[in-house]
Amino acid sequence: MKAPISWLKDMVSIEISAEELAHKMTMAGLEAEKIERIGAEWEADKVLVGEVLNVTQHPDADRLVLAEVHKPIT
């Protein structure tokens, strides 16, 4: 089962690295097979965050919608 560390931090205080936590869990009988760092390889200048202001049906297509997005100036 995959479980984000953030879920565990909601329940208990974790102040050690992911590697050390995985080792301690394995030593306690809860095998940590691997650690995945999602997003670590993403290029920060290619990831954009915006707020969706409005979504409307596309006038010429049944399966498409148009989204109005506010992208903050960086």
Protein backbone atom coordinates (compact mmCIF):
# COMPACT_ATOMS: atom_id res chain seq x y z
CA MET A 1 0.00 0.00 0.00
CA LYS A 2 1.30 3.44 -0.85
CA ALA A 3 1.03 6.00 1.94
CA PRO A 4 2.28 9.57 1.68
CA ILE A 5 4.36 10.78 4.60
CA SER A 6 1.95 13.72 4.84
CA TRP A 7 -0.80 11.26 5.86
CA LEU A 8 1.39 9.84 8.60
CA LYS A 9 2.29 13.37 9.77
CA ASP A 10 -1.44 14.06 10.24
CA MET A 11 -1.47 11.35 12.91
CA VAL A 12 2.00 11.46 14.50
CA SER A 13 4.93 13.84 14.69
CA ILE A 14 7.71 12.78 12.30
CA GLU A 15 11.00 14.62 12.54
CA ILE A 16 13.30 12.17 10.75
CA SER A 17 14.13 11.64 7.08
CA ALA A 18 12.03 9.39 4.86
CA GLU A 19 14.94 6.96 4.61
CA GLU A 20 15.30 6.70 8.38
CA LEU A 21 11.53 6.31 8.79
CA ALA A 22 11.48 3.49 6.20
CA HIS A 23 14.34 1.74 8.04
CA LYS A 24 12.61 2.05 11.42
CA MET A 25 9.31 0.78 9.98
CA THR A 26 11.09 -2.19 8.38
CA MET A 27 12.85 -3.01 11.65
CA ALA A 28 9.47 -2.91 13.41
CA GLY A 29 8.04 -5.47 10.97
CA LEU A 30 6.29 -3.08 8.56
CA GLU A 31 8.22 -3.45 5.34
CA ALA A 32 8.90 -0.25 3.43
CA GLU A 33 9.67 -1.55 -0.06
CA LYS A 34 10.75 1.76 -1.58
CA ILE A 35 10.58 5.53 -1.28
CA GLU A 36 9.14 7.50 -4.19
CA ARG A 37 9.66 11.24 -4.42
CA ILE A 38 6.87 12.51 -6.63
CA GLY A 39 7.66 15.73 -8.43
CA ALA A 40 11.35 15.77 -7.57
CA GLU A 41 12.24 15.56 -11.26
CA TRP A 42 9.83 18.32 -12.33
CA GLU A 43 11.38 21.46 -13.68
CA ALA A 44 10.13 24.34 -11.53
CA ASP A 45 10.03 26.77 -14.45
CA LYS A 46 7.71 24.43 -16.38
CA VAL A 47 5.12 23.90 -13.63
CA LEU A 48 2.48 26.61 -13.47
CA VAL A 49 -0.23 27.14 -10.89
CA GLY A 50 -3.37 29.08 -11.67
CA GLU A 51 -6.84 29.59 -10.27
CA VAL A 52 -9.77 28.38 -12.38
CA LEU A 53 -12.24 31.27 -12.40
CA ASN A 54 -14.95 29.92 -14.69
CA VAL A 55 -15.76 26.78 -16.71
CA THR A 56 -18.23 26.89 -19.61
CA GLN A 57 -19.32 24.49 -22.33
CA HIS A 58 -17.46 24.83 -25.64
CA PRO A 59 -19.87 26.30 -28.21
CA ASP A 60 -18.87 23.90 -31.01
CA ALA A 61 -18.12 20.65 -29.15
CA ASP A 62 -20.14 18.51 -26.76
CA ARG A 63 -17.14 16.92 -25.06
CA LEU A 64 -15.04 20.06 -24.49
CA VAL A 65 -15.20 22.84 -21.95
CA LEU A 66 -13.49 26.21 -21.80
CA ALA A 67 -11.75 27.23 -18.62
CA GLU A 68 -10.98 30.84 -17.69
CA VAL A 69 -7.80 30.80 -15.61
CA HIS A 70 -6.10 33.49 -13.55
CA LYS A 71 -2.34 32.95 -13.51
CA PRO A 72 -0.52 35.14 -11.01
CA ILE A 73 2.38 37.13 -12.41
CA THR A 74 5.69 35.78 -11.14
